[in-house]
Structures are given as structure tokens and as C-alpha cells.
Amino acid sequence: MGDLFDLRGKVAVITGSTKGIGKAMAERMAEHGAKVVISSRKADVCDEVAAAINAKGGEAIAVPCNISDQSQLEVLVNKTVAAWGGIDILVCNAAANPYYGPMADVPEAAYDKTMENNIKRNLWLCNMVLPGMAERGGGSVIIVSSIGGLKGSDNLGIYCISKAADMQLVRNLAVEWGDRGIRANAIAPGLVKTDFARALYEDPERSKRAAAAHALLRLGEPDDIAGIGVYLAAPAGRWTTGQTFVIDGGSTITSRY
């Protein structure tokens, strides 16, 4: 392993890390030497994922957390610091999308939940973590956004607005914390085979049409996103901040449909 991607001695907290993109990032960061905190709402699943990482020679602990609960966010941070002394890498991956349909019909409760979980909780968690991260000499914040934040949508407009806000959030964090050695970046995945898109990719015909709209002619896998996460967390990304990285198999640059 080259020094550019060496995460030994670093502590990484990853929300929503029991499946999909979050899990892939946790596994890959652990392979590169990071101590990872597995976190999602269900304690038993967190334990399973952490145990699997430990069984492969990595280091992981499980700290269940529902990001919509402020007190649980505080527990996540406090338990991590108690176990490993601090946090060097924060990945805000957990998100919500309770509504599918035009913005004109969105219920207020669904709008509020989307904005609360996808924007506010990311900021609140950063505000809890970053002062301690700065005391450790700096670190990396990664927010998982979406290409939806770059495009209009007829049925995911509210979700897309929240993801566009995440891109601006990292720009602000990069400016406010850069003088203390903290970098902040966003990842904007395209259509990845996660639970969020299950209805699409499990239908062979719809999956074929969706794949044809990508330059690489396939949908993404969670592990396709893990590499950019390692880069942003590692010394390789030490001069990268305030940016949004589109990882989408070429769907936003092709006219195929």
C-alpha cells in the first residue's frame, strides 16, 4: 500500500454504513488501515457489519444511530471519542427520501423530513465533530450527495434540492475550517444498485434501459463509489477541498436515453 492511500491510525465515522455505499466505504477504508465506526439505525445489523470487518483483519466498532435524533448523534460522537480518542474522517452518508412525486404535491411532513435528515443533521453532526477534528490537526469530511443535485427531476425534486444543498454545505465547511486543516468534499453518485433504486434494477427491462443511458452502459455498484471516498480521506486528497465529485458511469455527459 502506498503512503498516498494509507489510513493507518485514522478514525472514520460513517453514517448509514450497514449497506450500500456506506458499507462499501467502511470496508475499503478499513482495508487501508482506518478504524471504522459502523452506524445505522439497527444495532444488530451494525454489529454484523463490524464483526465481518474485524474478521477480515480490520478494526471496527458498532454504534447504532438514527441521524434524525440529535441525542443519538451526540452518543455516536461521544462513544467514538471514548473508544478511539477522536475522529479524523467523517462520512455523512445516511439520508432520507420519504416522498416520490411532483413538488406541487409534497406533504409538509415529507418536505421537512427530507431537509432535516439530508441537510440539517449533516451540519449538526459536522458541528459536533469538527472542533475535535481540528484539535487533532485536521481531517476530512465527506458528504454523499447525488447527481440529482445537479439536475431537475419530475418526481424527486425535493430530494434533489436537499442534495444540491449538500454540495454547498461542503463548500462552506471548506472555507470555514480550511485554516484548521479540515477538508470537506461531496460525492455525487449516479444510479447505484442500492435499496433506493431496487425497483429499477430488479426489473430487467427497466434496468436495461437505464444502463443504456450511461456511457459505460451499466449501473453502478456500491464499491464503484468507495474508491473516491478513500482518496478524499487519505493523504492523496490533502489539497482537495470544497469540491463535488460526480461518479456516475457517464450518465450526465451522454445524450443516450
C-alpha atoms as a PDB file:
ATOM      1  CA  MET A   1       0.000   0.000   0.000  1.00  0.00           C
ATOM      2  CA  GLY A   2       1.398   3.372  -1.000  1.00  0.00           C
ATOM      3  CA  ASP A   3       1.572   6.172   1.524  1.00  0.00           C
ATOM      4  CA  LEU A   4      -0.866   8.248  -0.526  1.00  0.00           C
ATOM      5  CA  PHE A   5      -3.711   5.944   0.484  1.00  0.00           C
ATOM      6  CA  ASP A   6      -2.515   4.934   3.935  1.00  0.00           C
ATOM      7  CA  LEU A   7      -5.242   5.449   6.556  1.00  0.00           C
ATOM      8  CA  ARG A   8      -3.468   3.708   9.428  1.00  0.00           C
ATOM      9  CA  GLY A   9      -4.057   5.486  12.722  1.00  0.00           C
ATOM     10  CA  LYS A  10      -7.120   7.336  11.407  1.00  0.00           C
ATOM     11  CA  VAL A  11     -10.614   7.029  12.860  1.00  0.00           C
ATOM     12  CA  ALA A  12     -13.539   7.130  10.439  1.00  0.00           C
ATOM     13  CA  VAL A  13     -17.201   7.575  11.370  1.00  0.00           C
ATOM     14  CA  ILE A  14     -19.561   6.597   8.551  1.00  0.00           C
ATOM     15  CA  THR A  15     -23.306   7.061   8.892  1.00  0.00           C
ATOM     16  CA  GLY A  16     -25.589   4.681   7.052  1.00  0.00           C
ATOM     17  CA  SER A  17     -22.778   2.152   6.796  1.00  0.00           C
ATOM     18  CA  THR A  18     -24.584  -1.188   7.128  1.00  0.00           C
ATOM     19  CA  LYS A  19     -25.428  -1.444   3.435  1.00  0.00           C
ATOM     20  CA  GLY A  20     -24.831   0.057   0.031  1.00  0.00           C
ATOM     21  CA  ILE A  21     -22.364   2.890  -0.481  1.00  0.00           C
ATOM     22  CA  GLY A  22     -21.725   3.459   3.227  1.00  0.00           C
ATOM     23  CA  LYS A  23     -20.843  -0.172   3.838  1.00  0.00           C
ATOM     24  CA  ALA A  24     -18.536  -0.293   0.808  1.00  0.00           C
ATOM     25  CA  MET A  25     -16.697   2.812   2.050  1.00  0.00           C
ATOM     26  CA  ALA A  26     -16.331   1.346   5.535  1.00  0.00           C
ATOM     27  CA  GLU A  27     -14.909  -1.897   4.197  1.00  0.00           C
ATOM     28  CA  ARG A  28     -12.432  -0.174   1.882  1.00  0.00           C
ATOM     29  CA  MET A  29     -11.283   2.362   4.473  1.00  0.00           C
ATOM     30  CA  ALA A  30     -10.711  -0.491   6.904  1.00  0.00           C
ATOM     31  CA  GLU A  31      -8.646  -2.297   4.264  1.00  0.00           C
ATOM     32  CA  HIS A  32      -6.465   0.809   4.028  1.00  0.00           C
ATOM     33  CA  GLY A  33      -5.910   0.829   7.774  1.00  0.00           C
ATOM     34  CA  ALA A  34      -8.620   3.087   9.215  1.00  0.00           C
ATOM     35  CA  LYS A  35     -10.506   2.277  12.378  1.00  0.00           C
ATOM     36  CA  VAL A  36     -14.119   2.493  11.290  1.00  0.00           C
ATOM     37  CA  VAL A  37     -17.325   3.144  13.182  1.00  0.00           C
ATOM     38  CA  ILE A  38     -20.300   1.341  11.685  1.00  0.00           C
ATOM     39  CA  SER A  39     -23.528   3.207  12.268  1.00  0.00           C
ATOM     40  CA  SER A  40     -27.167   2.935  11.232  1.00  0.00           C
ATOM     41  CA  ARG A  41     -30.494   2.603  12.986  1.00  0.00           C
ATOM     42  CA  LYS A  42     -30.452  -1.157  13.667  1.00  0.00           C
ATOM     43  CA  ALA A  43     -27.977  -2.315  16.307  1.00  0.00           C
ATOM     44  CA  ASP A  44     -27.908  -5.971  15.240  1.00  0.00           C
ATOM     45  CA  VAL A  45     -27.015  -5.110  11.656  1.00  0.00           C
ATOM     46  CA  CYS A  46     -24.309  -2.681  12.826  1.00  0.00           C
ATOM     47  CA  ASP A  47     -22.824  -5.478  14.917  1.00  0.00           C
ATOM     48  CA  GLU A  48     -22.833  -7.867  11.950  1.00  0.00           C
ATOM     49  CA  VAL A  49     -21.036  -5.474   9.618  1.00  0.00           C
ATOM     50  CA  ALA A  50     -18.439  -4.520  12.250  1.00  0.00           C
ATOM     51  CA  ALA A  51     -17.831  -8.187  13.073  1.00  0.00           C
ATOM     52  CA  ALA A  52     -17.277  -9.007   9.402  1.00  0.00           C
ATOM     53  CA  ILE A  53     -14.681  -6.241   9.078  1.00  0.00           C
ATOM     54  CA  ASN A  54     -12.903  -7.405  12.216  1.00  0.00           C
ATOM     55  CA  ALA A  55     -12.926 -10.992  10.966  1.00  0.00           C
ATOM     56  CA  LYS A  56     -11.032  -9.859   7.861  1.00  0.00           C
ATOM     57  CA  GLY A  57      -8.321  -8.194   9.922  1.00  0.00           C
ATOM     58  CA  GLY A  58      -9.731  -4.687  10.083  1.00  0.00           C
ATOM     59  CA  GLU A  59     -10.769  -2.665  13.088  1.00  0.00           C
ATOM     60  CA  ALA A  60     -14.398  -1.689  13.536  1.00  0.00           C
ATOM     61  CA  ILE A  61     -16.907  -0.924  16.253  1.00  0.00           C
ATOM     62  CA  ALA A  62     -20.678  -0.570  16.026  1.00  0.00           C
ATOM     63  CA  VAL A  63     -22.509   2.491  17.329  1.00  0.00           C
ATOM     64  CA  PRO A  64     -26.180   2.492  16.315  1.00  0.00           C
ATOM     65  CA  CYS A  65     -27.617   5.918  15.497  1.00  0.00           C
ATOM     66  CA  ASN A  66     -30.758   7.353  13.942  1.00  0.00           C
ATOM     67  CA  ILE A  67     -29.482  10.587  12.437  1.00  0.00           C
ATOM     68  CA  SER A  68     -32.864  12.267  12.884  1.00  0.00           C
ATOM     69  CA  ASP A  69     -32.346  12.156  16.666  1.00  0.00           C
ATOM     70  CA  GLN A  70     -29.945  14.829  17.937  1.00  0.00           C
ATOM     71  CA  SER A  71     -29.216  12.938  21.143  1.00  0.00           C
ATOM     72  CA  GLN A  72     -28.234   9.836  19.179  1.00  0.00           C
ATOM     73  CA  LEU A  73     -25.805  11.877  17.110  1.00  0.00           C
ATOM     74  CA  GLU A  74     -24.201  13.045  20.346  1.00  0.00           C
ATOM     75  CA  VAL A  75     -23.933   9.430  21.535  1.00  0.00           C
ATOM     76  CA  LEU A  76     -22.310   8.457  18.217  1.00  0.00           C
ATOM     77  CA  VAL A  77     -19.636  11.120  18.625  1.00  0.00           C
ATOM     78  CA  ASN A  78     -19.079  10.555  22.336  1.00  0.00           C
ATOM     79  CA  LYS A  79     -18.776   6.769  22.062  1.00  0.00           C
ATOM     80  CA  THR A  80     -16.319   7.084  19.188  1.00  0.00           C
ATOM     81  CA  VAL A  81     -14.138   9.529  21.101  1.00  0.00           C
ATOM     82  CA  ALA A  82     -14.296   7.348  24.211  1.00  0.00           C
ATOM     83  CA  ALA A  83     -13.258   4.264  22.246  1.00  0.00           C
ATOM     84  CA  TRP A  84     -10.591   5.720  19.957  1.00  0.00           C
ATOM     85  CA  GLY A  85      -9.730   9.198  21.181  1.00  0.00           C
ATOM     86  CA  GLY A  86     -11.144  11.282  18.342  1.00  0.00           C
ATOM     87  CA  ILE A  87     -12.391  11.428  14.780  1.00  0.00           C
ATOM     88  CA  ASP A  88     -10.266  12.088  11.673  1.00  0.00           C
ATOM     89  CA  ILE A  89     -12.726  11.188   8.925  1.00  0.00           C
ATOM     90  CA  LEU A  90     -16.461  11.876   8.901  1.00  0.00           C
ATOM     91  CA  VAL A  91     -18.638  10.443   6.146  1.00  0.00           C
ATOM     92  CA  CYS A  92     -22.224  11.708   6.133  1.00  0.00           C
ATOM     93  CA  ASN A  93     -23.916   9.052   4.047  1.00  0.00           C
ATOM     94  CA  ALA A  94     -27.272   8.409   5.752  1.00  0.00           C
ATOM     95  CA  ALA A  95     -30.181  10.223   4.103  1.00  0.00           C
ATOM     96  CA  ALA A  96     -33.942  10.129   3.665  1.00  0.00           C
ATOM     97  CA  ASN A  97     -36.315  10.261   0.716  1.00  0.00           C
ATOM     98  CA  PRO A  98     -39.860   9.802   2.044  1.00  0.00           C
ATOM     99  CA  TYR A  99     -41.668  11.245  -0.981  1.00  0.00           C
ATOM    100  CA  TYR A 100     -41.810  10.402  -4.693  1.00  0.00           C
ATOM    101  CA  GLY A 101     -43.794  12.777  -6.868  1.00  0.00           C
ATOM    102  CA  PRO A 102     -44.047  16.373  -8.076  1.00  0.00           C
ATOM    103  CA  MET A 103     -43.070  19.186  -5.722  1.00  0.00           C
ATOM    104  CA  ALA A 104     -46.544  20.696  -6.032  1.00  0.00           C
ATOM    105  CA  ASP A 105     -47.984  17.760  -4.084  1.00  0.00           C
ATOM    106  CA  VAL A 106     -45.331  17.161  -1.427  1.00  0.00           C
ATOM    107  CA  PRO A 107     -46.730  16.886   2.114  1.00  0.00           C
ATOM    108  CA  GLU A 108     -45.141  19.325   4.535  1.00  0.00           C
ATOM    109  CA  ALA A 109     -44.035  16.492   6.820  1.00  0.00           C
ATOM    110  CA  ALA A 110     -42.198  14.756   3.965  1.00  0.00           C
ATOM    111  CA  TYR A 111     -40.543  18.010   2.921  1.00  0.00           C
ATOM    112  CA  ASP A 112     -39.422  18.679   6.481  1.00  0.00           C
ATOM    113  CA  LYS A 113     -38.052  15.150   6.970  1.00  0.00           C
ATOM    114  CA  THR A 114     -36.036  15.340   3.750  1.00  0.00           C
ATOM    115  CA  MET A 115     -34.463  18.680   4.606  1.00  0.00           C
ATOM    116  CA  GLU A 116     -33.965  17.724   8.253  1.00  0.00           C
ATOM    117  CA  ASN A 117     -32.118  14.475   7.569  1.00  0.00           C
ATOM    118  CA  ASN A 118     -30.284  15.374   4.382  1.00  0.00           C
ATOM    119  CA  ILE A 119     -29.058  18.852   5.299  1.00  0.00           C
ATOM    120  CA  LYS A 120     -29.601  19.891   8.905  1.00  0.00           C
ATOM    121  CA  ARG A 121     -28.359  16.668  10.506  1.00  0.00           C
ATOM    122  CA  ASN A 122     -25.234  16.682   8.338  1.00  0.00           C
ATOM    123  CA  LEU A 123     -24.454  20.198   9.530  1.00  0.00           C
ATOM    124  CA  TRP A 124     -25.239  19.416  13.163  1.00  0.00           C
ATOM    125  CA  LEU A 125     -23.011  16.318  13.081  1.00  0.00           C
ATOM    126  CA  CYS A 126     -20.201  18.323  11.498  1.00  0.00           C
ATOM    127  CA  ASN A 127     -20.575  20.969  14.193  1.00  0.00           C
ATOM    128  CA  MET A 128     -20.166  18.252  16.832  1.00  0.00           C
ATOM    129  CA  VAL A 129     -17.157  16.597  15.187  1.00  0.00           C
ATOM    130  CA  LEU A 130     -15.092  19.331  13.575  1.00  0.00           C
ATOM    131  CA  PRO A 131     -13.799  21.160  16.675  1.00  0.00           C
ATOM    132  CA  GLY A 132     -12.232  17.929  17.923  1.00  0.00           C
ATOM    133  CA  MET A 133     -11.006  17.069  14.449  1.00  0.00           C
ATOM    134  CA  ALA A 134      -9.255  20.446  14.296  1.00  0.00           C
ATOM    135  CA  GLU A 135      -7.580  19.786  17.645  1.00  0.00           C
ATOM    136  CA  ARG A 136      -6.147  16.559  16.167  1.00  0.00           C
ATOM    137  CA  GLY A 137      -4.529  18.566  13.371  1.00  0.00           C
ATOM    138  CA  GLY A 138      -7.242  18.370  10.740  1.00  0.00           C
ATOM    139  CA  GLY A 139      -9.133  15.747   8.822  1.00  0.00           C
ATOM    140  CA  SER A 140     -11.656  15.037   6.112  1.00  0.00           C
ATOM    141  CA  VAL A 141     -15.413  15.481   5.867  1.00  0.00           C
ATOM    142  CA  ILE A 142     -17.207  13.653   3.058  1.00  0.00           C
ATOM    143  CA  ILE A 143     -20.894  14.159   2.335  1.00  0.00           C
ATOM    144  CA  VAL A 144     -22.595  11.742  -0.034  1.00  0.00           C
ATOM    145  CA  SER A 145     -24.787  13.857  -2.283  1.00  0.00           C
ATOM    146  CA  SER A 146     -26.243  12.772  -5.641  1.00  0.00           C
ATOM    147  CA  ILE A 147     -26.249  13.725  -9.301  1.00  0.00           C
ATOM    148  CA  GLY A 148     -29.828  14.669  -8.508  1.00  0.00           C
ATOM    149  CA  GLY A 149     -28.356  17.812  -7.012  1.00  0.00           C
ATOM    150  CA  LEU A 150     -27.167  18.813 -10.493  1.00  0.00           C
ATOM    151  CA  LYS A 151     -30.341  18.054 -12.448  1.00  0.00           C
ATOM    152  CA  GLY A 152     -34.037  18.787 -12.427  1.00  0.00           C
ATOM    153  CA  SER A 153     -36.455  15.963 -11.691  1.00  0.00           C
ATOM    154  CA  ASP A 154     -40.164  15.442 -12.209  1.00  0.00           C
ATOM    155  CA  ASN A 155     -40.592  13.100  -9.231  1.00  0.00           C
ATOM    156  CA  LEU A 156     -37.551  13.590  -6.976  1.00  0.00           C
ATOM    157  CA  GLY A 157     -37.405  17.373  -6.855  1.00  0.00           C
ATOM    158  CA  ILE A 158     -37.395  17.780  -3.068  1.00  0.00           C
ATOM    159  CA  TYR A 159     -34.692  15.127  -2.657  1.00  0.00           C
ATOM    160  CA  CYS A 160     -32.649  16.807  -5.404  1.00  0.00           C
ATOM    161  CA  ILE A 161     -32.888  20.188  -3.688  1.00  0.00           C
ATOM    162  CA  SER A 162     -31.540  18.670  -0.477  1.00  0.00           C
ATOM    163  CA  LYS A 163     -28.654  17.068  -2.329  1.00  0.00           C
ATOM    164  CA  ALA A 164     -27.783  20.327  -4.078  1.00  0.00           C
ATOM    165  CA  ALA A 165     -27.670  21.947  -0.641  1.00  0.00           C
ATOM    166  CA  ASP A 166     -25.149  19.313   0.486  1.00  0.00           C
ATOM    167  CA  MET A 167     -22.831  20.457  -2.295  1.00  0.00           C
ATOM    168  CA  GLN A 168     -22.999  23.998  -0.969  1.00  0.00           C
ATOM    169  CA  LEU A 169     -22.592  22.746   2.593  1.00  0.00           C
ATOM    170  CA  VAL A 170     -19.173  21.282   1.823  1.00  0.00           C
ATOM    171  CA  ARG A 171     -18.090  24.494   0.119  1.00  0.00           C
ATOM    172  CA  ASN A 172     -18.981  26.463   3.235  1.00  0.00           C
ATOM    173  CA  LEU A 173     -17.325  23.934   5.545  1.00  0.00           C
ATOM    174  CA  ALA A 174     -14.189  24.003   3.390  1.00  0.00           C
ATOM    175  CA  VAL A 175     -13.958  27.779   3.746  1.00  0.00           C
ATOM    176  CA  GLU A 176     -14.782  27.939   7.454  1.00  0.00           C
ATOM    177  CA  TRP A 177     -12.488  25.095   8.557  1.00  0.00           C
ATOM    178  CA  GLY A 178      -9.712  25.088   5.972  1.00  0.00           C
ATOM    179  CA  ASP A 179      -7.350  27.150   8.112  1.00  0.00           C
ATOM    180  CA  ARG A 180      -7.511  24.396  10.723  1.00  0.00           C
ATOM    181  CA  GLY A 181      -6.533  21.628   8.336  1.00  0.00           C
ATOM    182  CA  ILE A 182     -10.012  20.286   7.632  1.00  0.00           C
ATOM    183  CA  ARG A 183     -11.086  19.425   4.099  1.00  0.00           C
ATOM    184  CA  ALA A 184     -14.718  18.998   3.061  1.00  0.00           C
ATOM    185  CA  ASN A 185     -15.942  17.438  -0.161  1.00  0.00           C
ATOM    186  CA  ALA A 186     -19.060  15.886  -1.636  1.00  0.00           C
ATOM    187  CA  ILE A 187     -19.557  12.785  -3.740  1.00  0.00           C
ATOM    188  CA  ALA A 188     -22.423  12.799  -6.237  1.00  0.00           C
ATOM    189  CA  PRO A 189     -23.136   9.205  -7.258  1.00  0.00           C
ATOM    190  CA  GLY A 190     -25.268   8.328 -10.227  1.00  0.00           C
ATOM    191  CA  LEU A 191     -27.656   5.391 -10.288  1.00  0.00           C
ATOM    192  CA  VAL A 192     -26.116   2.792  -7.997  1.00  0.00           C
ATOM    193  CA  LYS A 193     -27.581  -0.610  -7.163  1.00  0.00           C
ATOM    194  CA  THR A 194     -28.720   0.138  -3.632  1.00  0.00           C
ATOM    195  CA  ASP A 195     -32.073  -0.292  -1.877  1.00  0.00           C
ATOM    196  CA  PHE A 196     -33.004   3.209  -3.042  1.00  0.00           C
ATOM    197  CA  ALA A 197     -33.038   2.049  -6.680  1.00  0.00           C
ATOM    198  CA  ARG A 198     -34.101  -1.553  -6.140  1.00  0.00           C
ATOM    199  CA  ALA A 199     -37.402  -1.189  -8.000  1.00  0.00           C
ATOM    200  CA  LEU A 200     -35.486  -0.051 -11.075  1.00  0.00           C
ATOM    201  CA  TYR A 201     -32.648  -2.524 -11.311  1.00  0.00           C
ATOM    202  CA  GLU A 202     -34.664  -5.603 -10.311  1.00  0.00           C
ATOM    203  CA  ASP A 203     -36.861  -5.110 -13.366  1.00  0.00           C
ATOM    204  CA  PRO A 204     -34.706  -6.456 -16.234  1.00  0.00           C
ATOM    205  CA  GLU A 205     -36.281  -4.283 -18.913  1.00  0.00           C
ATOM    206  CA  ARG A 206     -36.097  -1.055 -16.890  1.00  0.00           C
ATOM    207  CA  SER A 207     -32.568  -1.912 -15.812  1.00  0.00           C
ATOM    208  CA  LYS A 208     -31.512  -2.424 -19.429  1.00  0.00           C
ATOM    209  CA  ARG A 209     -32.965   0.953 -20.455  1.00  0.00           C
ATOM    210  CA  ALA A 210     -31.305   2.715 -17.526  1.00  0.00           C
ATOM    211  CA  ALA A 211     -27.926   1.137 -18.276  1.00  0.00           C
ATOM    212  CA  ALA A 212     -28.165   2.273 -21.891  1.00  0.00           C
ATOM    213  CA  ALA A 213     -28.274   5.896 -20.707  1.00  0.00           C
ATOM    214  CA  HIS A 214     -24.735   5.584 -19.295  1.00  0.00           C
ATOM    215  CA  ALA A 215     -21.527   5.973 -21.279  1.00  0.00           C
ATOM    216  CA  LEU A 216     -20.243   2.789 -19.620  1.00  0.00           C
ATOM    217  CA  LEU A 217     -23.541   1.003 -20.372  1.00  0.00           C
ATOM    218  CA  ARG A 218     -24.095  -0.238 -16.834  1.00  0.00           C
ATOM    219  CA  LEU A 219     -25.448   0.852 -13.481  1.00  0.00           C
ATOM    220  CA  GLY A 220     -23.094   1.467 -10.587  1.00  0.00           C
ATOM    221  CA  GLU A 221     -22.192  -0.859  -7.746  1.00  0.00           C
ATOM    222  CA  PRO A 222     -21.589   0.418  -4.188  1.00  0.00           C
ATOM    223  CA  ASP A 223     -17.906  -0.420  -4.493  1.00  0.00           C
ATOM    224  CA  ASP A 224     -17.651   1.902  -7.504  1.00  0.00           C
ATOM    225  CA  ILE A 225     -18.069   4.804  -5.064  1.00  0.00           C
ATOM    226  CA  ALA A 226     -15.734   3.523  -2.335  1.00  0.00           C
ATOM    227  CA  GLY A 227     -12.507   4.490  -4.096  1.00  0.00           C
ATOM    228  CA  ILE A 228     -13.228   8.205  -4.228  1.00  0.00           C
ATOM    229  CA  GLY A 229     -14.075   8.011  -0.534  1.00  0.00           C
ATOM    230  CA  VAL A 230     -10.678   6.525   0.259  1.00  0.00           C
ATOM    231  CA  TYR A 231      -8.988   9.174  -1.890  1.00  0.00           C
ATOM    232  CA  LEU A 232     -10.754  12.035  -0.119  1.00  0.00           C
ATOM    233  CA  ALA A 233      -9.954  10.604   3.312  1.00  0.00           C
ATOM    234  CA  ALA A 234      -6.301   9.805   2.570  1.00  0.00           C
ATOM    235  CA  PRO A 235      -3.156  11.882   2.052  1.00  0.00           C
ATOM    236  CA  ALA A 236      -3.790  11.612  -1.697  1.00  0.00           C
ATOM    237  CA  GLY A 237      -6.588  14.140  -1.270  1.00  0.00           C
ATOM    238  CA  ARG A 238      -4.720  16.526   1.007  1.00  0.00           C
ATOM    239  CA  TRP A 239      -5.094  19.508  -1.403  1.00  0.00           C
ATOM    240  CA  THR A 240      -8.670  18.729  -2.407  1.00  0.00           C
ATOM    241  CA  THR A 241     -11.445  20.634  -0.686  1.00  0.00           C
ATOM    242  CA  GLY A 242     -14.815  22.231  -1.385  1.00  0.00           C
ATOM    243  CA  GLN A 243     -15.411  20.031  -4.432  1.00  0.00           C
ATOM    244  CA  THR A 244     -18.188  17.746  -5.661  1.00  0.00           C
ATOM    245  CA  PHE A 245     -17.070  14.573  -7.423  1.00  0.00           C
ATOM    246  CA  VAL A 246     -19.546  13.121  -9.915  1.00  0.00           C
ATOM    247  CA  ILE A 247     -19.199   9.325 -10.081  1.00  0.00           C
ATOM    248  CA  ASP A 248     -21.951   8.226 -12.428  1.00  0.00           C
ATOM    249  CA  GLY A 249     -20.680   5.953 -15.192  1.00  0.00           C
ATOM    250  CA  GLY A 250     -21.017   8.850 -17.614  1.00  0.00           C
ATOM    251  CA  SER A 251     -24.769   9.339 -17.296  1.00  0.00           C
ATOM    252  CA  THR A 252     -24.598  13.129 -17.009  1.00  0.00           C
ATOM    253  CA  ILE A 253     -22.352  13.567 -20.054  1.00  0.00           C
ATOM    254  CA  THR A 254     -24.178  11.415 -22.585  1.00  0.00           C
ATOM    255  CA  SER A 255     -27.313  12.072 -24.634  1.00  0.00           C
ATOM    256  CA  ARG A 256     -28.286   8.393 -24.683  1.00  0.00           C
ATOM    257  CA  TYR A 257     -31.719   7.537 -23.320  1.00  0.00           C
END
